[in-house]
Amino acid sequence: MIDVRDLTDRQRRAAVERARENLALRSGAGCGKTLVLTLRFAELLMASGGEESPLDRLAAVTFTEKAAMEMTSRVRRLLSDYAVR
């Protein structure tokens, strides 16, 4: 399970506290970009309230289809974990 406690303070602020701001992440492999983006997407989706289709307002650009599938998988898993709680 993805856990916000795995983030540094800087990553947590970017992922959660600034979720409604545009953001570009650029760093090396294994630095937590996917985790931060997953948390941002989940936060925005959960905070969308009664919006009919909050996904229409979200976009992410990745370099590969594999990266896109990983992001999709992580967001689904995180939202599923939240739903079980």
PDB file of N, CA and C in Angstrom:
ATOM      1  N   MET A   1       0.830  -1.186   0.000  1.00  0.00           N
ATOM      2  CA  MET A   1       0.000   0.000   0.000  1.00  0.00           C
ATOM      3  C   MET A   1       0.870   1.243   0.000  1.00  0.00           C
ATOM      4  N   ILE A   2       0.433   2.257  -0.705  1.00  0.00           N
ATOM      5  CA  ILE A   2       1.142   3.526  -0.746  1.00  0.00           C
ATOM      6  C   ILE A   2       0.828   4.288   0.538  1.00  0.00           C
ATOM      7  N   ASP A   3       1.830   4.831   1.159  1.00  0.00           N
ATOM      8  CA  ASP A   3       1.631   5.495   2.441  1.00  0.00           C
ATOM      9  C   ASP A   3       2.288   6.868   2.420  1.00  0.00           C
ATOM     10  N   VAL A   4       1.542   7.880   2.816  1.00  0.00           N
ATOM     11  CA  VAL A   4       2.076   9.242   2.833  1.00  0.00           C
ATOM     12  C   VAL A   4       3.275   9.347   3.773  1.00  0.00           C
ATOM     13  N   ARG A   5       3.391   8.439   4.720  1.00  0.00           N
ATOM     14  CA  ARG A   5       4.539   8.467   5.639  1.00  0.00           C
ATOM     15  C   ARG A   5       5.841   8.115   4.943  1.00  0.00           C
ATOM     16  N   ASP A   6       5.749   7.551   3.733  1.00  0.00           N
ATOM     17  CA  ASP A   6       6.950   7.218   2.966  1.00  0.00           C
ATOM     18  C   ASP A   6       7.567   8.451   2.318  1.00  0.00           C
ATOM     19  N   LEU A   7       6.868   9.571   2.362  1.00  0.00           N
ATOM     20  CA  LEU A   7       7.331  10.789   1.702  1.00  0.00           C
ATOM     21  C   LEU A   7       8.220  11.625   2.610  1.00  0.00           C
ATOM     22  N   THR A   8       9.102  12.399   1.990  1.00  0.00           N
ATOM     23  CA  THR A   8       9.829  13.417   2.731  1.00  0.00           C
ATOM     24  C   THR A   8       8.858  14.558   3.000  1.00  0.00           C
ATOM     25  N   ASP A   9       9.210  15.474   3.891  1.00  0.00           N
ATOM     26  CA  ASP A   9       8.341  16.626   4.156  1.00  0.00           C
ATOM     27  C   ASP A   9       8.067  17.420   2.883  1.00  0.00           C
ATOM     28  N   ARG A  10       9.077  17.594   2.071  1.00  0.00           N
ATOM     29  CA  ARG A  10       8.919  18.355   0.823  1.00  0.00           C
ATOM     30  C   ARG A  10       7.959  17.643  -0.136  1.00  0.00           C
ATOM     31  N   GLN A  11       8.095  16.342  -0.265  1.00  0.00           N
ATOM     32  CA  GLN A  11       7.202  15.577  -1.132  1.00  0.00           C
ATOM     33  C   GLN A  11       5.766  15.635  -0.613  1.00  0.00           C
ATOM     34  N   ARG A  12       5.585  15.515   0.693  1.00  0.00           N
ATOM     35  CA  ARG A  12       4.254  15.564   1.286  1.00  0.00           C
ATOM     36  C   ARG A  12       3.582  16.901   1.014  1.00  0.00           C
ATOM     37  N   ARG A  13       4.322  17.980   1.189  1.00  0.00           N
ATOM     38  CA  ARG A  13       3.756  19.311   0.918  1.00  0.00           C
ATOM     39  C   ARG A  13       3.334  19.432  -0.538  1.00  0.00           C
ATOM     40  N   ALA A  14       4.161  18.934  -1.451  1.00  0.00           N
ATOM     41  CA  ALA A  14       3.837  19.004  -2.884  1.00  0.00           C
ATOM     42  C   ALA A  14       2.650  18.120  -3.227  1.00  0.00           C
ATOM     43  N   ALA A  15       2.569  16.962  -2.611  1.00  0.00           N
ATOM     44  CA  ALA A  15       1.524  15.993  -2.954  1.00  0.00           C
ATOM     45  C   ALA A  15       0.180  16.347  -2.354  1.00  0.00           C
ATOM     46  N   VAL A  16       0.165  16.801  -1.140  1.00  0.00           N
ATOM     47  CA  VAL A  16      -1.102  16.970  -0.434  1.00  0.00           C
ATOM     48  C   VAL A  16      -1.459  18.432  -0.236  1.00  0.00           C
ATOM     49  N   GLU A  17      -0.571  19.205   0.351  1.00  0.00           N
ATOM     50  CA  GLU A  17      -0.904  20.580   0.711  1.00  0.00           C
ATOM     51  C   GLU A  17      -1.033  21.497  -0.497  1.00  0.00           C
ATOM     52  N   ARG A  18      -0.403  21.154  -1.597  1.00  0.00           N
ATOM     53  CA  ARG A  18      -0.461  21.998  -2.799  1.00  0.00           C
ATOM     54  C   ARG A  18      -1.137  21.257  -3.948  1.00  0.00           C
ATOM     55  N   ALA A  19      -2.051  20.374  -3.627  1.00  0.00           N
ATOM     56  CA  ALA A  19      -2.653  19.502  -4.641  1.00  0.00           C
ATOM     57  C   ALA A  19      -3.422  20.268  -5.708  1.00  0.00           C
ATOM     58  N   ARG A  20      -3.914  21.435  -5.426  1.00  0.00           N
ATOM     59  CA  ARG A  20      -4.699  22.175  -6.410  1.00  0.00           C
ATOM     60  C   ARG A  20      -3.860  23.131  -7.268  1.00  0.00           C
ATOM     61  N   GLU A  21      -2.549  23.047  -7.144  1.00  0.00           N
ATOM     62  CA  GLU A  21      -1.656  23.858  -7.967  1.00  0.00           C
ATOM     63  C   GLU A  21      -1.060  22.999  -9.075  1.00  0.00           C
ATOM     64  N   ASN A  22      -0.775  23.608 -10.215  1.00  0.00           N
ATOM     65  CA  ASN A  22      -0.084  22.885 -11.281  1.00  0.00           C
ATOM     66  C   ASN A  22       1.330  22.574 -10.828  1.00  0.00           C
ATOM     67  N   LEU A  23       1.849  21.466 -11.280  1.00  0.00           N
ATOM     68  CA  LEU A  23       3.162  21.030 -10.830  1.00  0.00           C
ATOM     69  C   LEU A  23       3.853  20.232 -11.916  1.00  0.00           C
ATOM     70  N   ALA A  24       5.136  20.462 -12.073  1.00  0.00           N
ATOM     71  CA  ALA A  24       5.966  19.634 -12.949  1.00  0.00           C
ATOM     72  C   ALA A  24       7.024  18.994 -12.065  1.00  0.00           C
ATOM     73  N   LEU A  25       7.125  17.676 -12.124  1.00  0.00           N
ATOM     74  CA  LEU A  25       8.130  16.963 -11.350  1.00  0.00           C
ATOM     75  C   LEU A  25       9.234  16.492 -12.278  1.00  0.00           C
ATOM     76  N   ARG A  26      10.465  16.755 -11.879  1.00  0.00           N
ATOM     77  CA  ARG A  26      11.610  16.328 -12.678  1.00  0.00           C
ATOM     78  C   ARG A  26      12.702  15.871 -11.725  1.00  0.00           C
ATOM     79  N   SER A  27      13.020  14.603 -11.789  1.00  0.00           N
ATOM     80  CA  SER A  27      14.093  14.064 -10.954  1.00  0.00           C
ATOM     81  C   SER A  27      14.475  12.695 -11.475  1.00  0.00           C
ATOM     82  N   GLY A  28      15.479  12.138 -10.887  1.00  0.00           N
ATOM     83  CA  GLY A  28      15.979  10.847 -11.331  1.00  0.00           C
ATOM     84  C   GLY A  28      15.085   9.691 -10.931  1.00  0.00           C
ATOM     85  N   ALA A  29      15.415   8.531 -11.443  1.00  0.00           N
ATOM     86  CA  ALA A  29      14.651   7.324 -11.148  1.00  0.00           C
ATOM     87  C   ALA A  29      14.693   7.004  -9.660  1.00  0.00           C
ATOM     88  N   GLY A  30      13.554   6.544  -9.138  1.00  0.00           N
ATOM     89  CA  GLY A  30      13.488   6.110  -7.753  1.00  0.00           C
ATOM     90  C   GLY A  30      13.386   7.212  -6.721  1.00  0.00           C
ATOM     91  N   CYS A  31      13.085   8.427  -7.161  1.00  0.00           N
ATOM     92  CA  CYS A  31      13.028   9.555  -6.238  1.00  0.00           C
ATOM     93  C   CYS A  31      11.637   9.813  -5.668  1.00  0.00           C
ATOM     94  N   GLY A  32      10.626   9.094  -6.139  1.00  0.00           N
ATOM     95  CA  GLY A  32       9.287   9.261  -5.584  1.00  0.00           C
ATOM     96  C   GLY A  32       8.320  10.067  -6.422  1.00  0.00           C
ATOM     97  N   LYS A  33       8.655  10.329  -7.683  1.00  0.00           N
ATOM     98  CA  LYS A  33       7.750  11.110  -8.550  1.00  0.00           C
ATOM     99  C   LYS A  33       6.391  10.448  -8.687  1.00  0.00           C
ATOM    100  N   THR A  34       6.389   9.142  -8.943  1.00  0.00           N
ATOM    101  CA  THR A  34       5.126   8.441  -9.140  1.00  0.00           C
ATOM    102  C   THR A  34       4.308   8.434  -7.858  1.00  0.00           C
ATOM    103  N   LEU A  35       4.933   8.269  -6.722  1.00  0.00           N
ATOM    104  CA  LEU A  35       4.225   8.309  -5.443  1.00  0.00           C
ATOM    105  C   LEU A  35       3.583   9.671  -5.229  1.00  0.00           C
ATOM    106  N   VAL A  36       4.335  10.738  -5.461  1.00  0.00           N
ATOM    107  CA  VAL A  36       3.802  12.088  -5.279  1.00  0.00           C
ATOM    108  C   VAL A  36       2.621  12.324  -6.219  1.00  0.00           C
ATOM    109  N   LEU A  37       2.761  11.958  -7.474  1.00  0.00           N
ATOM    110  CA  LEU A  37       1.660  12.165  -8.419  1.00  0.00           C
ATOM    111  C   LEU A  37       0.448  11.314  -8.066  1.00  0.00           C
ATOM    112  N   THR A  38       0.679  10.093  -7.626  1.00  0.00           N
ATOM    113  CA  THR A  38      -0.428   9.231  -7.212  1.00  0.00           C
ATOM    114  C   THR A  38      -1.205   9.881  -6.078  1.00  0.00           C
ATOM    115  N   LEU A  39      -0.508  10.399  -5.092  1.00  0.00           N
ATOM    116  CA  LEU A  39      -1.175  11.054  -3.966  1.00  0.00           C
ATOM    117  C   LEU A  39      -1.918  12.307  -4.404  1.00  0.00           C
ATOM    118  N   ARG A  40      -1.335  13.062  -5.325  1.00  0.00           N
ATOM    119  CA  ARG A  40      -2.015  14.263  -5.832  1.00  0.00           C
ATOM    120  C   ARG A  40      -3.298  13.898  -6.563  1.00  0.00           C
ATOM    121  N   PHE A  41      -3.247  12.909  -7.437  1.00  0.00           N
ATOM    122  CA  PHE A  41      -4.442  12.488  -8.165  1.00  0.00           C
ATOM    123  C   PHE A  41      -5.519  12.002  -7.195  1.00  0.00           C
ATOM    124  N   ALA A  42      -5.132  11.162  -6.251  1.00  0.00           N
ATOM    125  CA  ALA A  42      -6.099  10.637  -5.292  1.00  0.00           C
ATOM    126  C   ALA A  42      -6.727  11.771  -4.479  1.00  0.00           C
ATOM    127  N   GLU A  43      -5.918  12.719  -4.028  1.00  0.00           N
ATOM    128  CA  GLU A  43      -6.423  13.857  -3.254  1.00  0.00           C
ATOM    129  C   GLU A  43      -7.424  14.665  -4.081  1.00  0.00           C
ATOM    130  N   LEU A  44      -7.096  14.934  -5.323  1.00  0.00           N
ATOM    131  CA  LEU A  44      -7.996  15.716  -6.180  1.00  0.00           C
ATOM    132  C   LEU A  44      -9.290  14.965  -6.467  1.00  0.00           C
ATOM    133  N   LEU A  45      -9.197  13.670  -6.706  1.00  0.00           N
ATOM    134  CA  LEU A  45     -10.398  12.881  -6.974  1.00  0.00           C
ATOM    135  C   LEU A  45     -11.297  12.799  -5.742  1.00  0.00           C
ATOM    136  N   MET A  46     -10.705  12.599  -4.578  1.00  0.00           N
ATOM    137  CA  MET A  46     -11.503  12.493  -3.362  1.00  0.00           C
ATOM    138  C   MET A  46     -12.097  13.829  -2.949  1.00  0.00           C
ATOM    139  N   ALA A  47     -11.433  14.929  -3.299  1.00  0.00           N
ATOM    140  CA  ALA A  47     -11.914  16.256  -2.924  1.00  0.00           C
ATOM    141  C   ALA A  47     -12.873  16.834  -3.956  1.00  0.00           C
ATOM    142  N   SER A  48     -13.187  16.076  -4.998  1.00  0.00           N
ATOM    143  CA  SER A  48     -14.023  16.611  -6.077  1.00  0.00           C
ATOM    144  C   SER A  48     -15.482  16.740  -5.682  1.00  0.00           C
ATOM    145  N   GLY A  49     -15.856  16.209  -4.534  1.00  0.00           N
ATOM    146  CA  GLY A  49     -17.231  16.332  -4.066  1.00  0.00           C
ATOM    147  C   GLY A  49     -18.202  15.653  -4.994  1.00  0.00           C
ATOM    148  N   GLY A  50     -19.248  16.387  -5.371  1.00  0.00           N
ATOM    149  CA  GLY A  50     -20.286  15.816  -6.204  1.00  0.00           C
ATOM    150  C   GLY A  50     -20.074  16.020  -7.684  1.00  0.00           C
ATOM    151  N   GLU A  51     -18.866  16.424  -8.068  1.00  0.00           N
ATOM    152  CA  GLU A  51     -18.596  16.627  -9.495  1.00  0.00           C
ATOM    153  C   GLU A  51     -18.924  15.380 -10.289  1.00  0.00           C
ATOM    154  N   GLU A  52     -19.549  15.572 -11.425  1.00  0.00           N
ATOM    155  CA  GLU A  52     -19.962  14.434 -12.239  1.00  0.00           C
ATOM    156  C   GLU A  52     -18.773  13.658 -12.795  1.00  0.00           C
ATOM    157  N   SER A  53     -17.775  14.345 -13.312  1.00  0.00           N
ATOM    158  CA  SER A  53     -16.640  13.662 -13.916  1.00  0.00           C
ATOM    159  C   SER A  53     -15.338  14.408 -13.617  1.00  0.00           C
ATOM    160  N   PRO A  54     -14.785  14.232 -12.407  1.00  0.00           N
ATOM    161  CA  PRO A  54     -13.564  14.961 -12.049  1.00  0.00           C
ATOM    162  C   PRO A  54     -12.358  14.570 -12.915  1.00  0.00           C
ATOM    163  N   LEU A  55     -12.390  13.392 -13.526  1.00  0.00           N
ATOM    164  CA  LEU A  55     -11.267  12.957 -14.360  1.00  0.00           C
ATOM    165  C   LEU A  55     -11.118  13.813 -15.615  1.00  0.00           C
ATOM    166  N   ASP A  56     -12.191  14.496 -16.029  1.00  0.00           N
ATOM    167  CA  ASP A  56     -12.130  15.344 -17.217  1.00  0.00           C
ATOM    168  C   ASP A  56     -11.178  16.528 -17.015  1.00  0.00           C
ATOM    169  N   ARG A  57     -10.846  16.822 -15.762  1.00  0.00           N
ATOM    170  CA  ARG A  57      -9.994  17.981 -15.485  1.00  0.00           C
ATOM    171  C   ARG A  57      -8.573  17.605 -15.072  1.00  0.00           C
ATOM    172  N   LEU A  58      -8.234  16.337 -15.128  1.00  0.00           N
ATOM    173  CA  LEU A  58      -6.900  15.887 -14.741  1.00  0.00           C
ATOM    174  C   LEU A  58      -6.127  15.402 -15.961  1.00  0.00           C
ATOM    175  N   ALA A  59      -4.847  15.699 -15.972  1.00  0.00           N
ATOM    176  CA  ALA A  59      -3.989  15.219 -17.057  1.00  0.00           C
ATOM    177  C   ALA A  59      -2.609  14.902 -16.499  1.00  0.00           C
ATOM    178  N   ALA A  60      -2.012  13.875 -17.039  1.00  0.00           N
ATOM    179  CA  ALA A  60      -0.641  13.521 -16.691  1.00  0.00           C
ATOM    180  C   ALA A  60       0.065  13.114 -17.972  1.00  0.00           C
ATOM    181  N   VAL A  61       1.308  13.509 -18.095  1.00  0.00           N
ATOM    182  CA  VAL A  61       2.104  13.152 -19.263  1.00  0.00           C
ATOM    183  C   VAL A  61       3.247  12.272 -18.779  1.00  0.00           C
ATOM    184  N   THR A  62       3.396  11.117 -19.416  1.00  0.00           N
ATOM    185  CA  THR A  62       4.502  10.221 -19.096  1.00  0.00           C
ATOM    186  C   THR A  62       5.275   9.959 -20.379  1.00  0.00           C
ATOM    187  N   PHE A  63       6.437   9.379 -20.238  1.00  0.00           N
ATOM    188  CA  PHE A  63       7.271   9.119 -21.410  1.00  0.00           C
ATOM    189  C   PHE A  63       6.971   7.773 -22.051  1.00  0.00           C
ATOM    190  N   THR A  64       6.350   6.881 -21.301  1.00  0.00           N
ATOM    191  CA  THR A  64       6.087   5.553 -21.850  1.00  0.00           C
ATOM    192  C   THR A  64       4.697   5.080 -21.462  1.00  0.00           C
ATOM    193  N   GLU A  65       4.175   4.130 -22.223  1.00  0.00           N
ATOM    194  CA  GLU A  65       2.896   3.517 -21.864  1.00  0.00           C
ATOM    195  C   GLU A  65       3.031   2.730 -20.559  1.00  0.00           C
ATOM    196  N   LYS A  66       4.195   2.143 -20.338  1.00  0.00           N
ATOM    197  CA  LYS A  66       4.438   1.408 -19.100  1.00  0.00           C
ATOM    198  C   LYS A  66       4.299   2.334 -17.890  1.00  0.00           C
ATOM    199  N   ALA A  67       4.856   3.528 -17.982  1.00  0.00           N
ATOM    200  CA  ALA A  67       4.745   4.498 -16.891  1.00  0.00           C
ATOM    201  C   ALA A  67       3.292   4.928 -16.681  1.00  0.00           C
ATOM    202  N   ALA A  68       2.557   5.103 -17.772  1.00  0.00           N
ATOM    203  CA  ALA A  68       1.147   5.478 -17.668  1.00  0.00           C
ATOM    204  C   ALA A  68       0.343   4.378 -16.981  1.00  0.00           C
ATOM    205  N   MET A  69       0.615   3.140 -17.333  1.00  0.00           N
ATOM    206  CA  MET A  69      -0.089   2.019 -16.707  1.00  0.00           C
ATOM    207  C   MET A  69       0.259   1.897 -15.228  1.00  0.00           C
ATOM    208  N   GLU A  70       1.511   2.156 -14.884  1.00  0.00           N
ATOM    209  CA  GLU A  70       1.928   2.124 -13.479  1.00  0.00           C
ATOM    210  C   GLU A  70       1.193   3.203 -12.686  1.00  0.00           C
ATOM    211  N   MET A  71       1.086   4.390 -13.246  1.00  0.00           N
ATOM    212  CA  MET A  71       0.381   5.480 -12.568  1.00  0.00           C
ATOM    213  C   MET A  71      -1.090   5.111 -12.370  1.00  0.00           C
ATOM    214  N   THR A  72      -1.721   4.600 -13.409  1.00  0.00           N
ATOM    215  CA  THR A  72      -3.125   4.200 -13.327  1.00  0.00           C
ATOM    216  C   THR A  72      -3.316   3.137 -12.253  1.00  0.00           C
ATOM    217  N   SER A  73      -2.450   2.168 -12.249  1.00  0.00           N
ATOM    218  CA  SER A  73      -2.534   1.081 -11.275  1.00  0.00           C
ATOM    219  C   SER A  73      -2.391   1.598  -9.849  1.00  0.00           C
ATOM    220  N   ARG A  74      -1.446   2.481  -9.633  1.00  0.00           N
ATOM    221  CA  ARG A  74      -1.221   3.007  -8.285  1.00  0.00           C
ATOM    222  C   ARG A  74      -2.397   3.851  -7.797  1.00  0.00           C
ATOM    223  N   VAL A  75      -2.948   4.682  -8.668  1.00  0.00           N
ATOM    224  CA  VAL A  75      -4.094   5.501  -8.269  1.00  0.00           C
ATOM    225  C   VAL A  75      -5.281   4.603  -7.926  1.00  0.00           C
ATOM    226  N   ARG A  76      -5.545   3.616  -8.762  1.00  0.00           N
ATOM    227  CA  ARG A  76      -6.652   2.685  -8.482  1.00  0.00           C
ATOM    228  C   ARG A  76      -6.443   1.962  -7.159  1.00  0.00           C
ATOM    229  N   ARG A  77      -5.220   1.494  -6.919  1.00  0.00           N
ATOM    230  CA  ARG A  77      -4.923   0.765  -5.684  1.00  0.00           C
ATOM    231  C   ARG A  77      -5.102   1.669  -4.469  1.00  0.00           C
ATOM    232  N   LEU A  78      -4.622   2.903  -4.542  1.00  0.00           N
ATOM    233  CA  LEU A  78      -4.747   3.826  -3.428  1.00  0.00           C
ATOM    234  C   LEU A  78      -6.212   4.147  -3.137  1.00  0.00           C
ATOM    235  N   LEU A  79      -6.995   4.425  -4.188  1.00  0.00           N
ATOM    236  CA  LEU A  79      -8.410   4.729  -3.987  1.00  0.00           C
ATOM    237  C   LEU A  79      -9.148   3.507  -3.446  1.00  0.00           C
ATOM    238  N   SER A  80      -8.786   2.332  -3.903  1.00  0.00           N
ATOM    239  CA  SER A  80      -9.389   1.105  -3.405  1.00  0.00           C
ATOM    240  C   SER A  80      -9.072   0.916  -1.921  1.00  0.00           C
ATOM    241  N   ASP A  81      -7.821   1.181  -1.536  1.00  0.00           N
ATOM    242  CA  ASP A  81      -7.428   1.078  -0.122  1.00  0.00           C
ATOM    243  C   ASP A  81      -8.211   2.068   0.730  1.00  0.00           C
ATOM    244  N   TYR A  82      -8.406   3.280   0.230  1.00  0.00           N
ATOM    245  CA  TYR A  82      -9.194   4.273   0.973  1.00  0.00           C
ATOM    246  C   TYR A  82     -10.645   3.831   1.100  1.00  0.00           C
ATOM    247  N   ALA A  83     -11.195   3.217   0.054  1.00  0.00           N
ATOM    248  CA  ALA A  83     -12.592   2.794   0.071  1.00  0.00           C
ATOM    249  C   ALA A  83     -12.819   1.684   1.095  1.00  0.00           C
ATOM    250  N   VAL A  84     -11.813   0.846   1.309  1.00  0.00           N
ATOM    251  CA  VAL A  84     -11.937  -0.263   2.257  1.00  0.00           C
ATOM    252  C   VAL A  84     -11.929   0.241   3.686  1.00  0.00           C
ATOM    253  N   ARG A  85     -11.274   1.325   3.924  1.00  0.00           N
ATOM    254  CA  ARG A  85     -11.167   1.862   5.303  1.00  0.00           C
ATOM    255  C   ARG A  85     -12.473   2.319   5.785  1.00  0.00           C
TER     256      ARG A  85
END
